[in-house]
Amino acid sequence: MTDHPASDALVFFGITGDLAYKKIFPALQALVQRERLNVPVIGVARSQLSDADLIERARASITEHDTLDPAAFQKLSSLLGHVWGDYSDAATFTRLRERLGNAKRPLFYLAVPPSLFPTVVQHLADSGCTAGARIVIEKPFGRDLQSARSLNTLLRTVFPEDSIFRIDHYLGKEAVQNLMYFRFANTFLEPLWNRHYVDSVQITMAESMGVAGRGAFYDETGVIRDVIQNHLLQIISYLAMEAPSSTWPEAIRDEQAKVLRTIRPLSPEHLVLGQFRSYRQEPGVAPDSRVPTFAALQLAIDSWRWEGVPFFIRAGKCLAESRTDVMVELKPAPPVVFQQAAPRGANYVRFRLSPDVAINIGAYTKVPGEGMAGQPVELSVASGTRQGVGTRLGPYERLLGDAMTGDATLFARQDVVEAAWAIVDPVIKDPAALLEYDCGGWGPADADQLVASFGGWAGR
């Protein structure tokens, strides 16, 4: 929780963009439904929309991507307003200052290309909008370590660190938070959660779709910048960090930063990159693109707890299925009592993060009847719960609400972002060879060699 005063206005740059249409308008209605939003919501964009036009766009968005709640939408409509103008024109920000009226603690959300961050931030400062304000920026937070540092320097010239919210919607997912909760709320895990008992850790983030009409964006990003440097390294920080002293935001982020600093920078010999065969035919993609749509890699954590335990990551587009799994494989029991003891890979803790949320434990039990033969079983701790159902908050609903109250727990801090970039920076500047792969499979065959001595990829 936080003692900071709540924001008294929400200003969204890029209100006519794809993110707002698919995610933000439904999240705003959900916040109204929970009585967590009762302040002006001002959209800023180049489009010369009227307030009525913006309300209709919000209606279309919620109707398409959620369920329209007439009472909640009427309330949201009364809060919505619009300021149009070019982001490089100081007059746009003068109009914004006038529209803010008596608001003293606005929250600015920048869903604009990173190249526009300096322009928008400087104009906000020059127009007198930033006193007492907070700012939310969408990933990617830079393109490499150097640009991330430059971006952070820019932001810190105008905003204090506790007013900067680097949003990674993945951290707002119920399943990702449950991963950390399950680790530290259950004492039976702690004796096992170290190099003495853990054989390896695998994280798979597979998507069956391609770039889904976002070729121009993806060709500027690639799989490492899109999901590995942020989503998946954040998951590793939750898996591998030491217990924080409390749920105080800085206590959690201190431990994330500590563990990320102990991960060795990635080297090309521990990396396999791929590109699905039809990628270069996607609209917006360069015909000679060298942007990877698949990556498999091995990381090492130089800490007392994790020395010698390999962490494997696999992520990609156009794969056999869409799912995100974390598999913590335990070392096999010695075959002293039973000659047919559980084989490698039979004992594990598995976190399914999407599309369903599940926590399962793999074990070996006796086959009924004579003899002492064993068979694998899976114990279900939690299963079958989809994201965003019932009382659970959607990622953007949670994160927007938290940013407005100043709760930074689920947002990336400057040193955490820079530590993550330091891990992948070497292979961004000097990438491995790019291998083609067919859609509907599991990426280049070379990726299997990374995990060959650990029994292959889990769930293959």
Protein backbone atom coordinates (compact mmCIF):
# COMPACT_ATOMS: atom_id res chain seq x y z
CA MET A 1 0.00 0.00 0.00
CA THR A 2 1.00 3.66 -0.28
CA ASP A 3 0.46 6.86 1.64
CA HIS A 4 0.75 9.02 -1.48
CA PRO A 5 -2.31 11.07 -2.45
CA ALA A 6 -4.31 9.74 -5.39
CA SER A 7 -4.09 11.35 -8.81
CA ASP A 8 -6.89 13.78 -9.54
CA ALA A 9 -6.86 13.49 -13.36
CA LEU A 10 -5.79 10.90 -15.93
CA VAL A 11 -4.28 12.15 -19.20
CA PHE A 12 -3.78 9.55 -21.92
CA PHE A 13 -1.46 10.42 -24.84
CA GLY A 14 -2.33 8.26 -27.84
CA ILE A 15 -6.02 7.90 -26.95
CA THR A 16 -6.95 7.08 -30.58
CA GLY A 17 -4.32 4.33 -30.84
CA ASP A 18 -4.55 0.54 -30.87
CA LEU A 19 -3.64 0.07 -27.19
CA ALA A 20 -6.39 2.40 -26.00
CA TYR A 21 -8.96 0.75 -28.23
CA LYS A 22 -8.15 -2.83 -27.24
CA LYS A 23 -7.15 -2.47 -23.59
CA ILE A 24 -7.53 0.95 -22.00
CA PHE A 25 -11.20 1.78 -22.57
CA PRO A 26 -12.36 -1.62 -21.16
CA ALA A 27 -10.01 -1.11 -18.20
CA LEU A 28 -11.45 2.35 -17.53
CA GLN A 29 -15.01 0.98 -17.47
CA ALA A 30 -13.87 -1.75 -15.06
CA LEU A 31 -12.32 0.86 -12.77
CA VAL A 32 -15.61 2.78 -12.77
CA GLN A 33 -17.48 -0.42 -11.93
CA ARG A 34 -15.24 -0.93 -8.90
CA GLU A 35 -15.61 2.74 -7.91
CA ARG A 36 -11.87 3.29 -8.39
CA LEU A 37 -12.20 6.00 -11.04
CA ASN A 38 -13.97 9.30 -10.38
CA VAL A 39 -11.64 11.90 -11.93
CA PRO A 40 -11.44 13.52 -15.39
CA VAL A 41 -9.98 11.33 -18.15
CA ILE A 42 -8.44 13.49 -20.88
CA GLY A 43 -7.34 11.95 -24.14
CA VAL A 44 -4.61 13.62 -26.18
CA ALA A 45 -4.09 12.82 -29.87
CA ARG A 46 -3.41 14.39 -33.24
CA SER A 47 -6.94 13.53 -34.41
CA GLN A 48 -9.41 16.40 -34.20
CA LEU A 49 -12.09 14.47 -32.36
CA SER A 50 -14.87 16.05 -30.38
CA ASP A 51 -15.66 14.78 -26.90
CA ALA A 52 -18.71 13.06 -28.40
CA ASP A 53 -16.50 11.31 -30.99
CA LEU A 54 -14.22 10.06 -28.23
CA ILE A 55 -17.17 8.72 -26.24
CA GLU A 56 -18.40 6.80 -29.29
CA ARG A 57 -14.94 5.35 -29.84
CA ALA A 58 -14.91 4.22 -26.22
CA ARG A 59 -18.35 2.64 -26.68
CA ALA A 60 -17.19 0.74 -29.78
CA SER A 61 -14.04 -0.43 -27.98
CA ILE A 62 -15.86 -1.79 -24.93
CA THR A 63 -18.59 -3.39 -27.04
CA GLU A 64 -15.96 -5.20 -29.13
CA HIS A 65 -13.52 -6.20 -26.41
CA ASP A 66 -15.66 -6.49 -23.27
CA THR A 67 -19.29 -6.15 -22.18
CA LEU A 68 -20.84 -2.70 -22.11
CA ASP A 69 -22.27 -1.83 -18.69
CA PRO A 70 -24.77 0.99 -19.37
CA ALA A 71 -24.56 2.56 -15.92
CA ALA A 72 -20.76 2.35 -15.70
CA PHE A 73 -20.35 3.59 -19.27
CA GLN A 74 -22.59 6.57 -18.61
CA LYS A 75 -20.37 7.48 -15.66
CA LEU A 76 -17.22 6.98 -17.75
CA SER A 77 -18.69 9.16 -20.53
CA SER A 78 -19.16 12.00 -18.07
CA LEU A 79 -15.45 11.84 -17.23
CA LEU A 80 -14.08 11.66 -20.79
CA GLY A 81 -12.66 14.65 -22.63
CA HIS A 82 -10.26 15.25 -25.51
CA VAL A 83 -7.43 17.63 -26.42
CA TRP A 84 -6.20 17.47 -30.00
CA GLY A 85 -2.97 18.77 -31.48
CA ASP A 86 0.53 17.88 -32.55
CA TYR A 87 2.84 16.62 -29.80
CA SER A 88 5.59 18.95 -31.03
CA ASP A 89 3.35 22.03 -30.76
CA ALA A 90 3.52 23.91 -27.46
CA ALA A 91 -0.05 25.11 -28.03
CA THR A 92 -1.30 21.54 -27.58
CA PHE A 93 0.06 21.51 -24.05
CA THR A 94 -1.32 24.96 -23.31
CA ARG A 95 -4.78 23.60 -24.17
CA LEU A 96 -4.09 20.57 -22.00
CA ARG A 97 -3.13 22.78 -19.04
CA GLU A 98 -6.40 24.68 -19.47
CA ARG A 99 -8.40 21.44 -19.73
CA LEU A 100 -6.82 20.14 -16.50
CA GLY A 101 -8.36 23.07 -14.64
CA ASN A 102 -7.72 22.79 -10.91
CA ALA A 103 -6.11 19.34 -11.06
CA LYS A 104 -2.90 19.36 -9.02
CA ARG A 105 -1.80 15.69 -9.26
CA PRO A 106 -2.44 14.48 -12.83
CA LEU A 107 -1.25 11.09 -14.08
CA PHE A 108 0.17 11.23 -17.61
CA TYR A 109 0.12 7.99 -19.62
CA LEU A 110 2.42 7.94 -22.67
CA ALA A 111 1.22 5.33 -25.17
CA VAL A 112 3.21 6.95 -27.97
CA PRO A 113 6.36 5.85 -29.84
CA PRO A 114 9.47 6.07 -27.62
CA SER A 115 10.97 8.58 -30.06
CA LEU A 116 8.29 11.05 -28.90
CA PHE A 117 9.01 10.68 -25.16
CA PRO A 118 11.56 13.55 -25.03
CA THR A 119 9.23 15.89 -26.90
CA VAL A 120 6.18 15.14 -24.76
CA VAL A 121 8.06 15.21 -21.45
CA GLN A 122 9.75 18.54 -22.24
CA HIS A 123 6.49 20.17 -23.34
CA LEU A 124 4.74 18.92 -20.21
CA ALA A 125 7.45 20.52 -18.10
CA ASP A 126 7.48 23.79 -20.06
CA SER A 127 3.69 24.13 -19.83
CA GLY A 128 3.66 23.77 -16.04
CA CYS A 129 1.82 20.44 -16.08
CA THR A 130 4.33 18.32 -14.16
CA ALA A 131 4.27 19.76 -10.64
CA GLY A 132 2.87 17.02 -8.39
CA ALA A 133 2.29 14.77 -11.40
CA ARG A 134 3.05 11.13 -12.15
CA ILE A 135 3.96 9.60 -15.50
CA VAL A 136 3.36 6.13 -16.98
CA ILE A 137 5.39 4.97 -19.97
CA GLU A 138 4.81 1.86 -22.05
CA LYS A 139 7.58 -0.59 -22.88
CA PRO A 140 10.01 -0.89 -24.50
CA PHE A 141 12.00 1.22 -22.04
CA GLY A 142 14.72 1.95 -24.57
CA ARG A 143 16.20 -0.31 -27.26
CA ASP A 144 19.35 -1.32 -25.41
CA LEU A 145 21.21 -0.48 -22.20
CA GLN A 146 22.54 2.85 -23.42
CA SER A 147 19.17 4.12 -24.69
CA ALA A 148 17.48 2.92 -21.49
CA ARG A 149 19.93 4.98 -19.45
CA SER A 150 19.33 8.00 -21.68
CA LEU A 151 15.56 7.62 -21.30
CA ASN A 152 15.84 7.35 -17.52
CA THR A 153 18.07 10.43 -17.40
CA LEU A 154 15.48 12.36 -19.40
CA LEU A 155 12.60 11.29 -17.16
CA ARG A 156 14.52 12.07 -13.98
CA THR A 157 15.16 15.64 -15.12
CA VAL A 158 11.42 16.26 -14.76
CA PHE A 159 9.98 13.59 -12.44
CA PRO A 160 11.32 11.98 -9.24
CA GLU A 161 11.76 8.20 -9.47
CA ASP A 162 8.74 7.51 -7.23
CA SER A 163 6.55 9.37 -9.75
CA ILE A 164 7.73 7.32 -12.77
CA PHE A 165 5.74 4.18 -13.55
CA ARG A 166 7.24 1.92 -16.23
CA ILE A 167 4.31 -0.26 -17.14
CA ASP A 168 4.70 -3.91 -18.09
CA HIS A 169 1.16 -5.29 -18.31
CA TYR A 170 2.50 -8.81 -17.76
CA LEU A 171 3.24 -7.99 -14.12
CA GLY A 172 -0.43 -7.10 -13.67
CA LYS A 173 -1.57 -10.62 -14.54
CA GLU A 174 -3.05 -12.61 -11.68
CA ALA A 175 -0.99 -15.68 -12.60
CA VAL A 176 2.35 -13.86 -12.44
CA GLN A 177 1.53 -12.44 -9.01
CA ASN A 178 0.42 -15.88 -7.85
CA LEU A 179 3.85 -17.24 -8.76
CA MET A 180 5.52 -14.96 -6.22
CA TYR A 181 2.74 -15.49 -3.66
CA PHE A 182 2.97 -19.28 -3.88
CA ARG A 183 6.75 -19.14 -3.45
CA PHE A 184 6.78 -17.11 -0.27
CA ALA A 185 3.48 -18.12 1.36
CA ASN A 186 4.34 -21.84 1.61
CA THR A 187 7.16 -23.09 3.81
CA PHE A 188 7.47 -26.52 2.15
CA LEU A 189 9.03 -24.93 -0.96
CA GLU A 190 11.90 -23.09 0.70
CA PRO A 191 14.07 -26.16 1.57
CA LEU A 192 13.84 -27.30 -2.08
CA TRP A 193 14.23 -23.95 -3.82
CA ASN A 194 18.00 -23.99 -4.38
CA ARG A 195 20.91 -25.62 -6.20
CA HIS A 196 20.82 -28.70 -3.94
CA TYR A 197 17.43 -29.86 -5.22
CA VAL A 198 16.61 -27.93 -8.41
CA ASP A 199 18.00 -29.52 -11.57
CA SER A 200 16.94 -26.84 -14.06
CA VAL A 201 14.33 -24.18 -14.70
CA GLN A 202 12.52 -23.77 -18.01
CA ILE A 203 10.26 -20.92 -19.11
CA THR A 204 8.28 -21.19 -22.33
CA MET A 205 6.26 -18.32 -23.77
CA ALA A 206 4.80 -19.66 -27.02
CA GLU A 207 2.36 -17.91 -29.35
CA SER A 208 0.63 -19.75 -32.18
CA MET A 209 -0.15 -16.53 -34.07
CA GLY A 210 2.31 -14.55 -36.15
CA VAL A 211 2.71 -10.80 -35.85
CA ALA A 212 -1.05 -10.24 -36.40
CA GLY A 213 -0.84 -7.15 -38.58
CA ARG A 214 1.81 -5.49 -36.40
CA GLY A 215 4.71 -6.18 -38.76
CA ALA A 216 6.06 -2.63 -38.79
CA PHE A 217 6.18 -2.51 -34.97
CA TYR A 218 7.59 -6.00 -34.59
CA ASP A 219 10.30 -5.41 -37.20
CA GLU A 220 11.61 -2.62 -34.96
CA THR A 221 11.50 -4.82 -31.88
CA GLY A 222 12.00 -8.57 -32.26
CA VAL A 223 11.45 -11.28 -29.69
CA ILE A 224 14.25 -10.31 -27.27
CA ARG A 225 13.09 -6.71 -26.90
CA ASP A 226 9.40 -7.64 -27.08
CA VAL A 227 9.10 -10.28 -24.34
CA ILE A 228 12.45 -11.56 -23.04
CA GLN A 229 14.12 -8.40 -21.73
CA ASN A 230 10.94 -7.46 -19.86
CA HIS A 231 8.25 -10.13 -19.30
CA LEU A 232 10.43 -13.21 -18.98
CA LEU A 233 13.31 -11.69 -17.03
CA GLN A 234 10.73 -10.29 -14.61
CA ILE A 235 9.39 -13.83 -14.17
CA ILE A 236 12.92 -15.08 -13.49
CA SER A 237 13.36 -12.36 -10.88
CA TYR A 238 10.24 -13.61 -9.05
CA LEU A 239 11.43 -17.22 -9.29
CA ALA A 240 15.01 -16.63 -8.21
CA MET A 241 15.01 -13.66 -5.84
CA GLU A 242 15.45 -13.89 -2.09
CA ALA A 243 12.46 -13.26 0.13
CA PRO A 244 11.66 -9.54 0.41
CA SER A 245 11.34 -8.10 3.91
CA SER A 246 7.69 -7.21 3.24
CA THR A 247 5.26 -6.39 0.44
CA TRP A 248 6.46 -2.79 0.52
CA PRO A 249 7.13 -1.94 -3.16
CA GLU A 250 10.78 -1.06 -2.69
CA ALA A 251 11.46 -4.25 -0.72
CA ILE A 252 10.23 -6.39 -3.62
CA ARG A 253 12.01 -4.33 -6.27
CA ASP A 254 15.25 -4.33 -4.24
CA GLU A 255 15.31 -8.12 -4.40
CA GLN A 256 14.46 -8.12 -8.12
CA ALA A 257 17.38 -5.81 -8.82
CA LYS A 258 19.76 -7.91 -6.71
CA VAL A 259 19.04 -11.16 -8.50
CA LEU A 260 19.08 -9.64 -12.00
CA ARG A 261 22.52 -8.20 -11.30
CA THR A 262 23.81 -11.73 -10.59
CA ILE A 263 22.72 -13.10 -13.99
CA ARG A 264 25.65 -13.35 -16.39
CA PRO A 265 25.34 -11.35 -19.63
CA LEU A 266 24.01 -13.59 -22.37
CA SER A 267 26.49 -14.91 -24.93
CA PRO A 268 25.79 -16.05 -28.55
CA GLU A 269 26.89 -19.64 -27.80
CA HIS A 270 23.98 -19.95 -25.36
CA LEU A 271 21.43 -18.47 -27.78
CA VAL A 272 19.43 -19.80 -30.73
CA LEU A 273 17.53 -17.26 -32.84
CA GLY A 274 14.90 -18.03 -35.46
CA GLN A 275 12.51 -16.38 -37.89
CA PHE A 276 9.36 -18.09 -39.21
CA ARG A 277 9.45 -18.58 -42.98
CA SER A 278 6.59 -16.30 -43.98
CA TYR A 279 7.64 -13.42 -41.70
CA ARG A 280 9.22 -11.34 -44.48
CA GLN A 281 5.93 -11.41 -46.41
CA GLU A 282 4.09 -9.73 -43.55
CA PRO A 283 2.92 -6.13 -44.24
CA GLY A 284 5.39 -3.63 -42.82
CA VAL A 285 8.27 -6.12 -42.59
CA ALA A 286 11.45 -5.44 -44.55
CA PRO A 287 12.00 -8.00 -47.36
CA ASP A 288 15.51 -8.70 -46.03
CA SER A 289 14.60 -8.47 -42.32
CA ARG A 290 17.02 -10.03 -39.83
CA VAL A 291 14.66 -9.57 -36.89
CA PRO A 292 14.19 -12.76 -34.81
CA THR A 293 10.69 -14.04 -34.07
CA PHE A 294 12.01 -16.92 -31.91
CA ALA A 295 14.70 -17.21 -29.25
CA ALA A 296 15.88 -20.03 -27.00
CA LEU A 297 18.60 -19.29 -24.49
CA GLN A 298 20.38 -20.44 -21.37
CA LEU A 299 21.10 -18.14 -18.43
CA ALA A 300 23.31 -18.63 -15.38
CA ILE A 301 22.77 -16.99 -12.00
CA ASP A 302 25.96 -16.45 -9.99
CA SER A 303 24.48 -16.63 -6.51
CA TRP A 304 24.84 -18.97 -3.55
CA ARG A 305 21.31 -20.26 -4.06
CA TRP A 306 21.45 -20.86 -7.82
CA GLU A 307 25.08 -21.57 -8.73
CA GLY A 308 25.17 -24.32 -11.37
CA VAL A 309 21.41 -24.37 -12.04
CA PRO A 310 20.66 -23.52 -15.70
CA PHE A 311 17.68 -21.30 -16.49
CA PHE A 312 16.31 -21.88 -19.99
CA ILE A 313 13.99 -19.52 -21.85
CA ARG A 314 12.09 -20.26 -25.06
CA ALA A 315 9.81 -17.68 -26.70
CA GLY A 316 8.46 -17.20 -30.16
CA LYS A 317 5.73 -16.48 -32.68
CA CYS A 318 3.95 -18.92 -35.00
CA LEU A 319 4.61 -21.94 -32.78
CA ALA A 320 2.58 -25.10 -32.17
CA GLU A 321 0.35 -23.60 -29.47
CA SER A 322 -0.12 -20.57 -27.26
CA ARG A 323 0.91 -21.07 -23.65
CA THR A 324 3.24 -19.73 -20.99
CA ASP A 325 4.74 -22.24 -18.59
CA VAL A 326 7.37 -22.25 -15.87
CA MET A 327 8.82 -25.68 -15.12
CA VAL A 328 11.09 -26.06 -12.08
CA GLU A 329 12.54 -29.56 -12.42
CA LEU A 330 13.92 -31.19 -9.29
CA LYS A 331 16.85 -33.57 -9.16
CA PRO A 332 15.92 -37.28 -9.22
CA ALA A 333 15.94 -39.27 -6.00
CA PRO A 334 18.90 -41.68 -5.70
CA PRO A 335 17.98 -45.25 -6.76
CA VAL A 336 18.98 -46.75 -3.41
CA VAL A 337 15.70 -47.93 -1.92
CA PHE A 338 13.96 -48.57 -5.25
CA GLN A 339 15.94 -49.52 -8.34
CA GLN A 340 13.15 -48.01 -10.45
CA ALA A 341 13.15 -44.66 -8.71
CA ALA A 342 11.56 -41.63 -10.35
CA PRO A 343 13.50 -40.73 -13.50
CA ARG A 344 14.80 -37.28 -14.35
CA GLY A 345 11.93 -34.90 -14.98
CA ALA A 346 9.39 -36.80 -12.87
CA ASN A 347 9.63 -34.46 -9.86
CA TYR A 348 8.81 -30.84 -10.59
CA VAL A 349 6.80 -27.76 -9.76
CA ARG A 350 4.98 -26.33 -12.80
CA PHE A 351 3.33 -22.94 -13.04
CA ARG A 352 0.98 -22.50 -16.00
CA LEU A 353 0.59 -18.75 -16.49
CA SER A 354 -1.59 -18.79 -19.61
CA PRO A 355 -4.05 -19.42 -21.13
CA ASP A 356 -5.22 -21.07 -17.91
CA VAL A 357 -3.71 -20.59 -14.47
CA ALA A 358 -2.43 -23.80 -12.88
CA ILE A 359 0.10 -24.89 -10.28
CA ASN A 360 1.04 -28.55 -10.37
CA ILE A 361 3.55 -30.77 -8.61
CA GLY A 362 4.99 -33.83 -10.32
CA ALA A 363 5.57 -36.96 -8.19
CA TYR A 364 6.02 -40.72 -8.49
CA THR A 365 3.70 -43.24 -6.80
CA LYS A 366 3.50 -47.02 -6.62
CA VAL A 367 1.61 -48.90 -9.30
CA PRO A 368 -1.22 -50.87 -7.60
CA GLY A 369 -0.63 -54.61 -7.25
CA GLU A 370 2.36 -56.81 -6.60
CA GLY A 371 5.86 -55.51 -7.00
CA MET A 372 7.34 -52.10 -6.35
CA ALA A 373 7.04 -50.36 -9.71
CA GLY A 374 6.32 -46.65 -9.92
CA GLN A 375 4.24 -44.36 -12.10
CA PRO A 376 4.17 -40.57 -12.58
CA VAL A 377 1.29 -38.52 -11.18
CA GLU A 378 0.58 -34.82 -11.12
CA LEU A 379 -0.84 -33.14 -8.04
CA SER A 380 -2.95 -30.10 -8.79
CA VAL A 381 -2.65 -27.13 -6.44
CA ALA A 382 -4.68 -24.74 -8.59
CA SER A 383 -6.16 -25.30 -12.03
CA GLY A 384 -8.70 -24.20 -14.56
CA THR A 385 -8.88 -20.53 -13.60
CA ARG A 386 -8.72 -18.16 -16.53
CA GLN A 387 -7.33 -14.64 -16.32
CA GLY A 388 -9.66 -11.74 -15.67
CA VAL A 389 -12.70 -13.75 -14.61
CA GLY A 390 -15.04 -12.98 -11.72
CA THR A 391 -13.46 -10.87 -9.01
CA ARG A 392 -9.95 -10.89 -10.53
CA LEU A 393 -8.71 -7.60 -11.95
CA GLY A 394 -7.48 -7.39 -15.54
CA PRO A 395 -3.84 -6.34 -15.94
CA TYR A 396 -4.48 -2.80 -17.17
CA GLU A 397 -7.28 -2.24 -14.70
CA ARG A 398 -4.98 -3.20 -11.84
CA LEU A 399 -1.98 -1.25 -13.08
CA LEU A 400 -3.88 1.92 -13.93
CA GLY A 401 -5.53 1.87 -10.52
CA ASP A 402 -2.19 1.29 -8.79
CA ALA A 403 -0.46 4.09 -10.70
CA MET A 404 -3.21 6.53 -9.76
CA THR A 405 -2.72 5.73 -6.07
CA GLY A 406 1.09 5.77 -6.32
CA ASP A 407 1.53 2.04 -5.66
CA ALA A 408 4.67 1.05 -7.59
CA THR A 409 4.83 -2.63 -6.55
CA LEU A 410 4.03 -3.99 -10.02
CA PHE A 411 6.03 -1.43 -11.99
CA ALA A 412 9.68 -1.64 -13.05
CA ARG A 413 12.20 0.55 -11.27
CA GLN A 414 15.07 2.21 -13.12
CA ASP A 415 17.79 -0.10 -11.79
CA VAL A 416 15.66 -3.20 -12.50
CA VAL A 417 15.16 -2.12 -16.12
CA GLU A 418 18.85 -1.40 -16.61
CA ALA A 419 19.92 -4.68 -14.99
CA ALA A 420 17.66 -6.58 -17.40
CA TRP A 421 19.07 -4.72 -20.40
CA ALA A 422 22.63 -5.51 -19.25
CA ILE A 423 21.80 -9.24 -19.51
CA VAL A 424 20.66 -9.15 -23.15
CA ASP A 425 22.72 -6.21 -24.41
CA PRO A 426 25.66 -8.28 -25.75
CA VAL A 427 23.46 -10.40 -28.04
CA ILE A 428 21.47 -7.41 -29.28
CA LYS A 429 24.69 -5.79 -30.48
CA ASP A 430 26.26 -9.09 -31.65
CA PRO A 431 23.39 -11.51 -32.34
CA ALA A 432 23.63 -15.21 -33.12
CA ALA A 433 22.90 -16.61 -36.58
CA LEU A 434 19.24 -16.45 -37.63
CA LEU A 435 17.62 -19.79 -38.51
CA GLU A 436 14.37 -20.24 -40.42
CA TYR A 437 11.57 -22.40 -39.03
CA ASP A 438 8.15 -23.53 -40.17
CA CYS A 439 4.97 -22.26 -38.52
CA GLY A 440 3.16 -24.77 -36.34
CA GLY A 441 6.27 -26.36 -34.84
CA TRP A 442 8.58 -25.47 -31.98
CA GLY A 443 11.16 -23.31 -33.70
CA PRO A 444 14.60 -24.25 -35.05
CA ALA A 445 15.82 -27.75 -34.20
CA ASP A 446 19.03 -26.23 -32.79
CA ALA A 447 16.99 -25.00 -29.80
CA ASP A 448 16.60 -28.61 -28.66
CA GLN A 449 20.36 -28.93 -28.21
CA LEU A 450 20.32 -26.36 -25.42
CA VAL A 451 18.28 -28.68 -23.20
CA ALA A 452 19.33 -32.07 -24.59
CA SER A 453 21.25 -33.05 -21.45
CA PHE A 454 18.22 -32.13 -19.29
CA GLY A 455 15.69 -34.33 -21.06
CA GLY A 456 14.44 -31.82 -23.62
CA TRP A 457 11.88 -29.05 -23.41
CA ALA A 458 9.08 -29.69 -20.94
CA GLY A 459 5.61 -30.23 -22.37
CA ARG A 460 6.91 -30.77 -25.91
